[in-house]
Amino acid sequence: MSESSLGATDEAIATGEFVLTVAPDALGRVLEIRDTEEDPGSICLRVEITGSAGVDYTYDLGWATISELDAEDDLSVQGGLSVVVAANSIDTMRGAVLDLPRASSQGGFVIKNPNRPAPVNPLEGRDIELTGDIPDKVTQLLEEVINPGLAEHGGFAALVGVDDTTVFLTMGGGCQGCAMSAATLRDGITASIYESIPEVTDVVDVTDHNAGDNPFYT
């Protein structure tokens, strides 16, 4: 079990000193919650990856008794808080940061993880027949295969236009402004289009992720 007695600082976040770094604002909130528990000094915040949802991992956060941890778990002490990453999650959480949501109205915590699960091919196990020209085929692929998956995360992709063999797409809903949407487009949507419509040579995301009501620019 690895251990560090240093507190979480901006420098630690920047250098990736811990497998999972607790940002200062989140640290204060976690300590407040921990100190309401019986014998707070004997427990730690334990984090484990439990699966994936789209381009993000899913996590289990909870209290664990320090004396009952597995020897292979990663233990750090940050600002008086014992933080444990489960042994099976160390590699896929290295460099992650536990923080508070940007919007103060949101409760809970967020984990900003630079690692992502392997992309799932939405075409796997499906036999889909696309007909018509490139715009028709792309529209069918979006409606029948891609958007049902994106809808699970509150997002969607739409065809903006086609120039010869280049396809222009926009992403909206939960995908607009999402830091992972570019990776979603590249690893998932683009791969599906190339595989299903081999005459397409390029796929371009024209989403304006800084916009409000207007989700794309032309």
C-alpha atoms as a PDB file:
ATOM      1  CA  MET A   1       0.000   0.000   0.000  1.00  0.00           C
ATOM      2  CA  SER A   2       1.534   3.305  -1.034  1.00  0.00           C
ATOM      3  CA  GLU A   3       1.117   6.331   1.193  1.00  0.00           C
ATOM      4  CA  SER A   4       1.891  10.033   1.212  1.00  0.00           C
ATOM      5  CA  SER A   5       1.337  12.445   4.086  1.00  0.00           C
ATOM      6  CA  LEU A   6       1.246  15.556   1.935  1.00  0.00           C
ATOM      7  CA  GLY A   7      -1.922  17.619   1.662  1.00  0.00           C
ATOM      8  CA  ALA A   8      -3.686  18.276  -1.632  1.00  0.00           C
ATOM      9  CA  THR A   9      -2.390  21.475  -3.224  1.00  0.00           C
ATOM     10  CA  ASP A  10      -2.617  23.114  -6.626  1.00  0.00           C
ATOM     11  CA  GLU A  11       0.965  21.971  -7.216  1.00  0.00           C
ATOM     12  CA  ALA A  12       0.035  18.388  -6.418  1.00  0.00           C
ATOM     13  CA  ILE A  13      -2.847  18.581  -8.876  1.00  0.00           C
ATOM     14  CA  ALA A  14      -0.589  20.002 -11.579  1.00  0.00           C
ATOM     15  CA  THR A  15       2.147  17.412 -11.066  1.00  0.00           C
ATOM     16  CA  GLY A  16      -0.203  14.455 -10.665  1.00  0.00           C
ATOM     17  CA  GLU A  17       1.485  13.478  -7.392  1.00  0.00           C
ATOM     18  CA  PHE A  18      -1.462  11.354  -6.298  1.00  0.00           C
ATOM     19  CA  VAL A  19      -3.390   8.704  -8.180  1.00  0.00           C
ATOM     20  CA  LEU A  20      -6.546  10.645  -7.246  1.00  0.00           C
ATOM     21  CA  THR A  21      -6.110  14.204  -6.038  1.00  0.00           C
ATOM     22  CA  VAL A  22      -8.808  15.884  -3.956  1.00  0.00           C
ATOM     23  CA  ALA A  23      -9.067  19.551  -4.975  1.00  0.00           C
ATOM     24  CA  PRO A  24      -8.959  22.050  -2.083  1.00  0.00           C
ATOM     25  CA  ASP A  25     -12.663  23.040  -2.213  1.00  0.00           C
ATOM     26  CA  ALA A  26     -13.758  19.420  -2.397  1.00  0.00           C
ATOM     27  CA  LEU A  27     -11.362  18.497   0.405  1.00  0.00           C
ATOM     28  CA  GLY A  28     -13.049  20.902   2.792  1.00  0.00           C
ATOM     29  CA  ARG A  29     -16.479  19.533   1.935  1.00  0.00           C
ATOM     30  CA  VAL A  30     -15.403  15.896   2.305  1.00  0.00           C
ATOM     31  CA  LEU A  31     -13.823  16.638   5.684  1.00  0.00           C
ATOM     32  CA  GLU A  32     -17.054  18.260   6.851  1.00  0.00           C
ATOM     33  CA  ILE A  33     -18.981  15.123   5.950  1.00  0.00           C
ATOM     34  CA  ARG A  34     -16.369  12.772   7.397  1.00  0.00           C
ATOM     35  CA  ASP A  35     -16.295  14.593  10.724  1.00  0.00           C
ATOM     36  CA  THR A  36     -19.984  13.805  11.252  1.00  0.00           C
ATOM     37  CA  GLU A  37     -19.151  10.080  11.230  1.00  0.00           C
ATOM     38  CA  GLU A  38     -18.373   8.073  14.336  1.00  0.00           C
ATOM     39  CA  ASP A  39     -14.600   7.849  14.881  1.00  0.00           C
ATOM     40  CA  PRO A  40     -13.704   9.859  11.732  1.00  0.00           C
ATOM     41  CA  GLY A  41      -9.992   9.248  12.202  1.00  0.00           C
ATOM     42  CA  SER A  42     -10.407   5.552  11.519  1.00  0.00           C
ATOM     43  CA  ILE A  43     -12.072   5.890   8.128  1.00  0.00           C
ATOM     44  CA  CYS A  44     -11.011   6.899   4.633  1.00  0.00           C
ATOM     45  CA  LEU A  45     -12.685   8.000   1.437  1.00  0.00           C
ATOM     46  CA  ARG A  46     -12.547   4.975  -0.863  1.00  0.00           C
ATOM     47  CA  VAL A  47     -13.052   5.366  -4.617  1.00  0.00           C
ATOM     48  CA  GLU A  48     -13.450   2.569  -7.133  1.00  0.00           C
ATOM     49  CA  ILE A  49     -14.353   2.431 -10.816  1.00  0.00           C
ATOM     50  CA  THR A  50     -17.421   0.218 -11.185  1.00  0.00           C
ATOM     51  CA  GLY A  51     -18.000   0.380 -14.946  1.00  0.00           C
ATOM     52  CA  SER A  52     -18.517   2.845 -17.755  1.00  0.00           C
ATOM     53  CA  ALA A  53     -21.294   4.933 -19.288  1.00  0.00           C
ATOM     54  CA  GLY A  54     -20.503   6.183 -22.755  1.00  0.00           C
ATOM     55  CA  VAL A  55     -17.142   7.955 -22.707  1.00  0.00           C
ATOM     56  CA  ASP A  56     -16.976   8.205 -18.910  1.00  0.00           C
ATOM     57  CA  TYR A  57     -16.270   5.780 -16.109  1.00  0.00           C
ATOM     58  CA  THR A  58     -18.773   5.240 -13.311  1.00  0.00           C
ATOM     59  CA  TYR A  59     -17.581   5.356  -9.715  1.00  0.00           C
ATOM     60  CA  ASP A  60     -18.390   4.197  -6.228  1.00  0.00           C
ATOM     61  CA  LEU A  61     -17.430   6.642  -3.455  1.00  0.00           C
ATOM     62  CA  GLY A  62     -17.858   5.731   0.162  1.00  0.00           C
ATOM     63  CA  TRP A  63     -16.277   5.396   3.555  1.00  0.00           C
ATOM     64  CA  ALA A  64     -14.066   2.442   4.401  1.00  0.00           C
ATOM     65  CA  THR A  65     -12.204   1.428   7.549  1.00  0.00           C
ATOM     66  CA  ILE A  66      -8.494   2.089   7.094  1.00  0.00           C
ATOM     67  CA  SER A  67      -7.457  -1.028   9.015  1.00  0.00           C
ATOM     68  CA  GLU A  68      -9.461  -3.228   6.627  1.00  0.00           C
ATOM     69  CA  LEU A  69      -7.970  -1.983   3.350  1.00  0.00           C
ATOM     70  CA  ASP A  70      -6.303  -4.351   0.913  1.00  0.00           C
ATOM     71  CA  ALA A  71      -2.524  -4.169   0.765  1.00  0.00           C
ATOM     72  CA  GLU A  72      -2.653  -3.431  -2.987  1.00  0.00           C
ATOM     73  CA  ASP A  73      -4.921  -0.372  -2.585  1.00  0.00           C
ATOM     74  CA  ASP A  74      -3.409   3.081  -3.056  1.00  0.00           C
ATOM     75  CA  LEU A  75      -3.553   5.195   0.110  1.00  0.00           C
ATOM     76  CA  SER A  76      -2.660   8.878   0.331  1.00  0.00           C
ATOM     77  CA  VAL A  77      -3.244  11.413   3.093  1.00  0.00           C
ATOM     78  CA  GLN A  78      -4.278  14.783   1.703  1.00  0.00           C
ATOM     79  CA  GLY A  79      -4.921  17.668   4.073  1.00  0.00           C
ATOM     80  CA  GLY A  80      -5.824  15.290   6.891  1.00  0.00           C
ATOM     81  CA  LEU A  81      -8.083  13.138   4.717  1.00  0.00           C
ATOM     82  CA  SER A  82      -7.164   9.535   3.969  1.00  0.00           C
ATOM     83  CA  VAL A  83      -7.969   8.807   0.324  1.00  0.00           C
ATOM     84  CA  VAL A  84      -7.936   5.289  -1.077  1.00  0.00           C
ATOM     85  CA  VAL A  85      -8.162   4.167  -4.695  1.00  0.00           C
ATOM     86  CA  ALA A  86      -9.102   0.506  -5.054  1.00  0.00           C
ATOM     87  CA  ALA A  87      -6.300  -1.633  -6.451  1.00  0.00           C
ATOM     88  CA  ASN A  88      -8.288  -2.547  -9.565  1.00  0.00           C
ATOM     89  CA  SER A  89      -8.835   1.134 -10.385  1.00  0.00           C
ATOM     90  CA  ILE A  90      -5.349   2.577  -9.913  1.00  0.00           C
ATOM     91  CA  ASP A  91      -4.243   2.478 -13.545  1.00  0.00           C
ATOM     92  CA  THR A  92      -7.510   3.893 -14.880  1.00  0.00           C
ATOM     93  CA  MET A  93      -7.698   6.670 -12.282  1.00  0.00           C
ATOM     94  CA  ARG A  94      -4.127   7.882 -12.351  1.00  0.00           C
ATOM     95  CA  GLY A  95      -4.133  11.663 -12.692  1.00  0.00           C
ATOM     96  CA  ALA A  96      -7.836  12.088 -11.784  1.00  0.00           C
ATOM     97  CA  VAL A  97      -9.135  14.931  -9.605  1.00  0.00           C
ATOM     98  CA  LEU A  98     -12.099  14.871  -7.220  1.00  0.00           C
ATOM     99  CA  ASP A  99     -13.728  18.296  -7.245  1.00  0.00           C
ATOM    100  CA  LEU A 100     -16.964  20.175  -6.691  1.00  0.00           C
ATOM    101  CA  PRO A 101     -19.305  20.811  -9.650  1.00  0.00           C
ATOM    102  CA  ARG A 102     -18.853  24.114 -11.480  1.00  0.00           C
ATOM    103  CA  ALA A 103     -22.467  25.122 -10.810  1.00  0.00           C
ATOM    104  CA  SER A 104     -22.984  25.918  -7.143  1.00  0.00           C
ATOM    105  CA  SER A 105     -26.581  24.724  -7.432  1.00  0.00           C
ATOM    106  CA  GLN A 106     -25.372  21.196  -8.139  1.00  0.00           C
ATOM    107  CA  GLY A 107     -24.710  18.928  -5.213  1.00  0.00           C
ATOM    108  CA  GLY A 108     -22.254  16.095  -4.805  1.00  0.00           C
ATOM    109  CA  PHE A 109     -18.829  15.775  -6.359  1.00  0.00           C
ATOM    110  CA  VAL A 110     -17.331  15.281  -9.804  1.00  0.00           C
ATOM    111  CA  ILE A 111     -14.331  13.232 -10.836  1.00  0.00           C
ATOM    112  CA  LYS A 112     -12.264  14.686 -13.662  1.00  0.00           C
ATOM    113  CA  ASN A 113     -10.461  11.704 -15.102  1.00  0.00           C
ATOM    114  CA  PRO A 114      -8.028  12.041 -18.034  1.00  0.00           C
ATOM    115  CA  ASN A 115      -8.459   8.313 -18.716  1.00  0.00           C
ATOM    116  CA  ARG A 116     -11.406   6.967 -20.687  1.00  0.00           C
ATOM    117  CA  PRO A 117     -12.905   3.539 -21.192  1.00  0.00           C
ATOM    118  CA  ALA A 118     -12.362   1.854 -24.537  1.00  0.00           C
ATOM    119  CA  PRO A 119     -14.955   3.181 -26.994  1.00  0.00           C
ATOM    120  CA  VAL A 120     -17.873   0.904 -27.754  1.00  0.00           C
ATOM    121  CA  ASN A 121     -18.655   0.337 -31.422  1.00  0.00           C
ATOM    122  CA  PRO A 122     -22.409   1.036 -31.774  1.00  0.00           C
ATOM    123  CA  LEU A 123     -22.456  -1.156 -34.910  1.00  0.00           C
ATOM    124  CA  GLU A 124     -21.226  -4.250 -33.107  1.00  0.00           C
ATOM    125  CA  GLY A 125     -23.760  -7.032 -33.437  1.00  0.00           C
ATOM    126  CA  ARG A 126     -26.001  -4.978 -35.717  1.00  0.00           C
ATOM    127  CA  ASP A 127     -26.779  -5.527 -39.384  1.00  0.00           C
ATOM    128  CA  ILE A 128     -27.902  -2.172 -40.746  1.00  0.00           C
ATOM    129  CA  GLU A 129     -28.567  -1.455 -44.428  1.00  0.00           C
ATOM    130  CA  LEU A 130     -28.160   2.181 -45.477  1.00  0.00           C
ATOM    131  CA  THR A 131     -29.643   3.454 -48.732  1.00  0.00           C
ATOM    132  CA  GLY A 132     -29.469   6.623 -50.821  1.00  0.00           C
ATOM    133  CA  ASP A 133     -26.686   9.159 -51.203  1.00  0.00           C
ATOM    134  CA  ILE A 134     -24.238  10.209 -48.475  1.00  0.00           C
ATOM    135  CA  PRO A 135     -26.621  12.637 -46.680  1.00  0.00           C
ATOM    136  CA  ASP A 136     -29.356   9.984 -46.640  1.00  0.00           C
ATOM    137  CA  LYS A 137     -27.024   7.327 -45.283  1.00  0.00           C
ATOM    138  CA  VAL A 138     -25.570   9.582 -42.596  1.00  0.00           C
ATOM    139  CA  THR A 139     -29.055  10.642 -41.474  1.00  0.00           C
ATOM    140  CA  GLN A 140     -30.177   7.023 -41.247  1.00  0.00           C
ATOM    141  CA  LEU A 141     -27.076   6.049 -39.291  1.00  0.00           C
ATOM    142  CA  LEU A 142     -27.547   8.912 -36.830  1.00  0.00           C
ATOM    143  CA  GLU A 143     -31.233   8.228 -36.286  1.00  0.00           C
ATOM    144  CA  GLU A 144     -31.089   4.443 -36.072  1.00  0.00           C
ATOM    145  CA  VAL A 145     -27.759   3.745 -34.376  1.00  0.00           C
ATOM    146  CA  ILE A 146     -25.839   6.707 -32.993  1.00  0.00           C
ATOM    147  CA  ASN A 147     -28.425   9.020 -31.438  1.00  0.00           C
ATOM    148  CA  PRO A 148     -30.196   6.333 -29.372  1.00  0.00           C
ATOM    149  CA  GLY A 149     -26.888   5.796 -27.578  1.00  0.00           C
ATOM    150  CA  LEU A 150     -26.166   9.517 -27.173  1.00  0.00           C
ATOM    151  CA  ALA A 151     -29.700  10.083 -25.865  1.00  0.00           C
ATOM    152  CA  GLU A 152     -28.846   7.989 -22.819  1.00  0.00           C
ATOM    153  CA  HIS A 153     -26.490  10.818 -21.843  1.00  0.00           C
ATOM    154  CA  GLY A 154     -28.776  13.677 -22.895  1.00  0.00           C
ATOM    155  CA  GLY A 155     -27.028  14.381 -26.183  1.00  0.00           C
ATOM    156  CA  PHE A 156     -27.496  14.018 -29.913  1.00  0.00           C
ATOM    157  CA  ALA A 157     -25.640  14.478 -33.195  1.00  0.00           C
ATOM    158  CA  ALA A 158     -27.134  16.047 -36.318  1.00  0.00           C
ATOM    159  CA  LEU A 159     -26.054  16.363 -39.931  1.00  0.00           C
ATOM    160  CA  VAL A 160     -25.242  19.942 -40.932  1.00  0.00           C
ATOM    161  CA  GLY A 161     -24.275  19.201 -44.511  1.00  0.00           C
ATOM    162  CA  VAL A 162     -22.101  17.300 -46.939  1.00  0.00           C
ATOM    163  CA  ASP A 163     -19.439  18.743 -49.235  1.00  0.00           C
ATOM    164  CA  ASP A 164     -18.469  16.090 -51.771  1.00  0.00           C
ATOM    165  CA  THR A 165     -17.257  13.281 -49.445  1.00  0.00           C
ATOM    166  CA  THR A 166     -16.811  15.413 -46.309  1.00  0.00           C
ATOM    167  CA  VAL A 167     -19.539  15.214 -43.673  1.00  0.00           C
ATOM    168  CA  PHE A 168     -20.212  18.097 -41.279  1.00  0.00           C
ATOM    169  CA  LEU A 169     -21.895  17.262 -37.965  1.00  0.00           C
ATOM    170  CA  THR A 170     -23.021  19.185 -34.931  1.00  0.00           C
ATOM    171  CA  MET A 171     -23.524  17.885 -31.415  1.00  0.00           C
ATOM    172  CA  GLY A 172     -26.181  19.194 -29.041  1.00  0.00           C
ATOM    173  CA  GLY A 173     -27.848  18.574 -25.712  1.00  0.00           C
ATOM    174  CA  GLY A 174     -25.481  17.041 -23.192  1.00  0.00           C
ATOM    175  CA  CYS A 175     -22.781  16.792 -25.885  1.00  0.00           C
ATOM    176  CA  GLN A 176     -22.575  20.545 -26.499  1.00  0.00           C
ATOM    177  CA  GLY A 177     -19.785  22.069 -24.453  1.00  0.00           C
ATOM    178  CA  CYS A 178     -18.851  18.658 -23.073  1.00  0.00           C
ATOM    179  CA  ALA A 179     -15.102  18.257 -22.714  1.00  0.00           C
ATOM    180  CA  MET A 180     -15.402  14.693 -23.945  1.00  0.00           C
ATOM    181  CA  SER A 181     -17.568  15.394 -26.992  1.00  0.00           C
ATOM    182  CA  ALA A 182     -14.598  15.720 -29.340  1.00  0.00           C
ATOM    183  CA  ALA A 183     -13.400  12.292 -28.262  1.00  0.00           C
ATOM    184  CA  THR A 184     -16.941  10.947 -28.622  1.00  0.00           C
ATOM    185  CA  LEU A 185     -17.067  12.205 -32.199  1.00  0.00           C
ATOM    186  CA  ARG A 186     -13.629  10.919 -33.099  1.00  0.00           C
ATOM    187  CA  ASP A 187     -13.748   7.536 -31.414  1.00  0.00           C
ATOM    188  CA  GLY A 188     -17.388   6.632 -31.816  1.00  0.00           C
ATOM    189  CA  ILE A 189     -19.391   8.547 -34.394  1.00  0.00           C
ATOM    190  CA  THR A 190     -16.589   9.043 -36.903  1.00  0.00           C
ATOM    191  CA  ALA A 191     -15.546   5.405 -36.750  1.00  0.00           C
ATOM    192  CA  SER A 192     -19.144   4.305 -37.282  1.00  0.00           C
ATOM    193  CA  ILE A 193     -19.561   6.565 -40.307  1.00  0.00           C
ATOM    194  CA  TYR A 194     -16.317   5.407 -41.914  1.00  0.00           C
ATOM    195  CA  GLU A 195     -17.236   1.774 -41.333  1.00  0.00           C
ATOM    196  CA  SER A 196     -20.822   2.068 -42.583  1.00  0.00           C
ATOM    197  CA  ILE A 197     -20.304   4.614 -45.377  1.00  0.00           C
ATOM    198  CA  PRO A 198     -16.850   3.944 -46.866  1.00  0.00           C
ATOM    199  CA  GLU A 199     -17.244   6.674 -49.504  1.00  0.00           C
ATOM    200  CA  VAL A 200     -16.990   9.301 -46.730  1.00  0.00           C
ATOM    201  CA  THR A 201     -13.407  10.590 -46.472  1.00  0.00           C
ATOM    202  CA  ASP A 202     -13.691  13.111 -43.628  1.00  0.00           C
ATOM    203  CA  VAL A 203     -16.011  13.923 -40.722  1.00  0.00           C
ATOM    204  CA  VAL A 204     -15.880  17.438 -39.233  1.00  0.00           C
ATOM    205  CA  ASP A 205     -17.423  18.581 -35.947  1.00  0.00           C
ATOM    206  CA  VAL A 206     -18.747  22.134 -36.436  1.00  0.00           C
ATOM    207  CA  THR A 207     -20.290  22.441 -32.977  1.00  0.00           C
ATOM    208  CA  ASP A 208     -19.726  25.784 -31.247  1.00  0.00           C
ATOM    209  CA  HIS A 209     -19.214  24.532 -27.708  1.00  0.00           C
ATOM    210  CA  ASN A 210     -19.026  28.092 -26.364  1.00  0.00           C
ATOM    211  CA  ALA A 211     -22.472  29.055 -27.650  1.00  0.00           C
ATOM    212  CA  GLY A 212     -25.718  29.091 -25.762  1.00  0.00           C
ATOM    213  CA  ASP A 213     -28.918  28.507 -27.679  1.00  0.00           C
ATOM    214  CA  ASN A 214     -27.192  28.101 -31.046  1.00  0.00           C
ATOM    215  CA  PRO A 215     -25.269  24.819 -30.892  1.00  0.00           C
ATOM    216  CA  PHE A 216     -23.276  25.194 -34.091  1.00  0.00           C
ATOM    217  CA  TYR A 217     -21.773  27.649 -36.470  1.00  0.00           C
ATOM    218  CA  THR A 218     -21.591  27.553 -40.235  1.00  0.00           C
END
